[in-house]
C-alpha atoms as a PDB file:
ATOM      1  CA  MET A   1      54.769   9.191  25.811  1.00  0.00           C
ATOM      2  CA  GLU A   2      54.612   6.372  28.323  1.00  0.00           C
ATOM      3  CA  GLN A   3      51.710   4.781  26.425  1.00  0.00           C
ATOM      4  CA  ILE A   4      53.724   4.820  23.181  1.00  0.00           C
ATOM      5  CA  ASN A   5      56.649   3.074  24.891  1.00  0.00           C
ATOM      6  CA  LYS A   6      54.297   0.445  26.349  1.00  0.00           C
ATOM      7  CA  ASN A   7      52.819  -0.203  22.907  1.00  0.00           C
ATOM      8  CA  LYS A   8      56.263  -0.495  21.323  1.00  0.00           C
ATOM      9  CA  THR A   9      57.361  -2.914  24.038  1.00  0.00           C
ATOM     10  CA  TYR A  10      54.173  -4.945  23.604  1.00  0.00           C
ATOM     11  CA  ILE A  11      54.600  -5.167  19.825  1.00  0.00           C
ATOM     12  CA  PHE A  12      58.287  -6.036  20.185  1.00  0.00           C
ATOM     13  CA  LEU A  13      57.531  -8.848  22.659  1.00  0.00           C
ATOM     14  CA  LYS A  14      54.714 -10.179  20.452  1.00  0.00           C
ATOM     15  CA  ILE A  15      57.061 -10.272  17.455  1.00  0.00           C
ATOM     16  CA  ILE A  16      59.656 -12.144  19.518  1.00  0.00           C
ATOM     17  CA  ILE A  17      57.105 -14.702  20.739  1.00  0.00           C
ATOM     18  CA  TYR A  18      55.726 -15.297  17.247  1.00  0.00           C
ATOM     19  CA  SER A  19      59.190 -15.487  15.693  1.00  0.00           C
ATOM     20  CA  ILE A  20      60.508 -17.990  18.218  1.00  0.00           C
ATOM     21  CA  GLY A  21      57.300 -20.022  17.899  1.00  0.00           C
ATOM     22  CA  PHE A  22      57.495 -20.032  14.102  1.00  0.00           C
ATOM     23  CA  VAL A  23      61.147 -21.110  14.065  1.00  0.00           C
ATOM     24  CA  SER A  24      60.506 -23.735  16.754  1.00  0.00           C
ATOM     25  CA  LEU A  25      57.649 -25.279  14.791  1.00  0.00           C
ATOM     26  CA  ILE A  26      59.746 -25.441  11.637  1.00  0.00           C
ATOM     27  CA  PHE A  27      62.651 -26.992  13.529  1.00  0.00           C
ATOM     28  CA  LEU A  28      60.456 -29.510  15.365  1.00  0.00           C
ATOM     29  CA  SER A  29      58.709 -30.539  12.156  1.00  0.00           C
ATOM     30  CA  ASN A  30      62.106 -31.711  10.846  1.00  0.00           C
ATOM     31  CA  ILE A  31      62.729 -33.974  13.809  1.00  0.00           C
ATOM     32  CA  TRP A  32      62.236 -37.632  13.080  1.00  0.00           C
ATOM     33  CA  ILE A  33      63.736 -40.587  14.907  1.00  0.00           C
ATOM     34  CA  GLY A  34      64.464 -43.444  12.554  1.00  0.00           C
ATOM     35  CA  THR A  35      66.189 -44.341   9.346  1.00  0.00           C
ATOM     36  CA  GLU A  36      65.391 -42.908   5.925  1.00  0.00           C
ATOM     37  CA  GLU A  37      64.026 -46.271   4.753  1.00  0.00           C
ATOM     38  CA  ASN A  38      61.756 -46.430   7.779  1.00  0.00           C
ATOM     39  CA  TRP A  39      60.507 -42.909   7.074  1.00  0.00           C
ATOM     40  CA  ASP A  40      59.713 -43.743   3.431  1.00  0.00           C
ATOM     41  CA  GLU A  41      57.798 -46.816   4.585  1.00  0.00           C
ATOM     42  CA  ILE A  42      55.787 -44.827   7.112  1.00  0.00           C
ATOM     43  CA  VAL A  43      54.901 -42.151   4.573  1.00  0.00           C
ATOM     44  CA  LYS A  44      53.816 -44.838   2.102  1.00  0.00           C
ATOM     45  CA  ASP A  45      51.917 -47.149   4.467  1.00  0.00           C
ATOM     46  CA  GLU A  46      50.764 -45.019   7.403  1.00  0.00           C
ATOM     47  CA  PHE A  47      50.517 -41.510   6.026  1.00  0.00           C
ATOM     48  CA  ILE A  48      47.310 -40.326   7.727  1.00  0.00           C
ATOM     49  CA  PRO A  49      48.143 -41.588  11.269  1.00  0.00           C
ATOM     50  CA  ALA A  50      51.649 -40.145  11.017  1.00  0.00           C
ATOM     51  CA  LEU A  51      50.274 -36.824   9.762  1.00  0.00           C
ATOM     52  CA  ILE A  52      47.729 -36.619  12.575  1.00  0.00           C
ATOM     53  CA  THR A  53      50.273 -37.548  15.249  1.00  0.00           C
ATOM     54  CA  ARG A  54      52.864 -35.061  14.029  1.00  0.00           C
ATOM     55  CA  THR A  55      50.234 -32.323  13.667  1.00  0.00           C
ATOM     56  CA  ILE A  56      48.989 -32.876  17.216  1.00  0.00           C
ATOM     57  CA  PHE A  57      52.587 -32.721  18.447  1.00  0.00           C
ATOM     58  CA  LEU A  58      53.166 -29.386  16.699  1.00  0.00           C
ATOM     59  CA  ILE A  59      49.855 -27.983  17.954  1.00  0.00           C
ATOM     60  CA  VAL A  60      50.794 -28.817  21.549  1.00  0.00           C
ATOM     61  CA  ILE A  61      54.157 -27.086  21.126  1.00  0.00           C
ATOM     62  CA  GLY A  62      52.439 -24.131  19.454  1.00  0.00           C
ATOM     63  CA  LEU A  63      49.973 -23.876  22.338  1.00  0.00           C
ATOM     64  CA  LEU A  64      52.890 -23.088  24.634  1.00  0.00           C
ATOM     65  CA  PHE A  65      53.664 -20.034  22.518  1.00  0.00           C
ATOM     66  CA  LEU A  66      49.988 -19.093  22.281  1.00  0.00           C
ATOM     67  CA  GLY A  67      49.871 -19.268  26.073  1.00  0.00           C
ATOM     68  CA  LEU A  68      52.812 -16.872  26.255  1.00  0.00           C
ATOM     69  CA  SER A  69      51.051 -14.576  23.797  1.00  0.00           C
ATOM     70  CA  PHE A  70      47.815 -14.750  25.799  1.00  0.00           C
ATOM     71  CA  GLY A  71      49.746 -13.975  29.004  1.00  0.00           C
ATOM     72  CA  LEU A  72      51.347 -10.974  27.316  1.00  0.00           C
ATOM     73  CA  ASP A  73      47.891  -9.758  26.249  1.00  0.00           C
ATOM     74  CA  TYR A  74      46.705 -10.120  29.837  1.00  0.00           C
ATOM     75  CA  ILE A  75      49.702  -8.260  31.301  1.00  0.00           C
ATOM     76  CA  TYR A  76      49.377  -5.352  28.854  1.00  0.00           C
ATOM     77  CA  LYS A  77      45.561  -5.420  29.080  1.00  0.00           C
ATOM     78  CA  LYS A  78      45.158  -5.846  25.332  1.00  0.00           C
ATOM     79  CA  LYS A  79      42.332  -7.724  23.688  1.00  0.00           C
ATOM     80  CA  GLY A  80      43.791 -10.639  21.751  1.00  0.00           C
ATOM     81  CA  ASN A  81      41.920 -12.995  19.464  1.00  0.00           C
ATOM     82  CA  PHE A  82      42.899 -16.407  20.806  1.00  0.00           C
ATOM     83  CA  ILE A  83      40.510 -18.347  18.532  1.00  0.00           C
ATOM     84  CA  ARG A  84      41.965 -16.744  15.392  1.00  0.00           C
ATOM     85  CA  GLU A  85      45.512 -17.446  16.550  1.00  0.00           C
ATOM     86  CA  LEU A  86      44.573 -21.042  17.363  1.00  0.00           C
ATOM     87  CA  TYR A  87      43.035 -21.464  13.910  1.00  0.00           C
ATOM     88  CA  PHE A  88      46.232 -20.208  12.245  1.00  0.00           C
ATOM     89  CA  LEU A  89      48.294 -22.533  14.447  1.00  0.00           C
ATOM     90  CA  VAL A  90      46.266 -25.586  13.411  1.00  0.00           C
ATOM     91  CA  VAL A  91      46.354 -24.702   9.711  1.00  0.00           C
ATOM     92  CA  PHE A  92      50.074 -23.837   9.827  1.00  0.00           C
ATOM     93  CA  SER A  93      50.905 -27.087  11.647  1.00  0.00           C
ATOM     94  CA  LEU A  94      48.936 -29.183   9.184  1.00  0.00           C
ATOM     95  CA  VAL A  95      50.395 -27.480   6.102  1.00  0.00           C
ATOM     96  CA  LEU A  96      53.923 -27.609   7.521  1.00  0.00           C
ATOM     97  CA  ASN A  97      53.600 -31.335   8.203  1.00  0.00           C
ATOM     98  CA  LEU A  98      52.203 -31.986   4.745  1.00  0.00           C
ATOM     99  CA  ILE A  99      55.118 -30.150   3.196  1.00  0.00           C
ATOM    100  CA  MET A 100      57.682 -31.954   5.356  1.00  0.00           C
ATOM    101  CA  MET A 101      56.164 -35.383   4.777  1.00  0.00           C
ATOM    102  CA  LEU A 102      55.590 -35.094   1.041  1.00  0.00           C
ATOM    103  CA  VAL A 103      58.522 -32.990  -0.107  1.00  0.00           C
ATOM    104  CA  LEU A 104      61.391 -33.831   2.199  1.00  0.00           C
END
């Protein structure tokens, strides 16, 4: 019974970490300092450098949440797949930035 409660707590905490991380990345991808005209100019003239910079920023923020997830795995003695989670973070950050830069 104690093992079941530990597993439920572990899953609940993982869901919280991933949810907060997901919402934080979406919120932070919307942040831009500057005017709308300046943003349109940057997207038109300096798309690739802006995309790379914003993606690196989101990856660094996402690494904080991956660190929390890794720490939770260590505390509960679970085997996590950090490389897979890192891969999803990079792809999600890149796709999210592409969507934000091209659509919005």
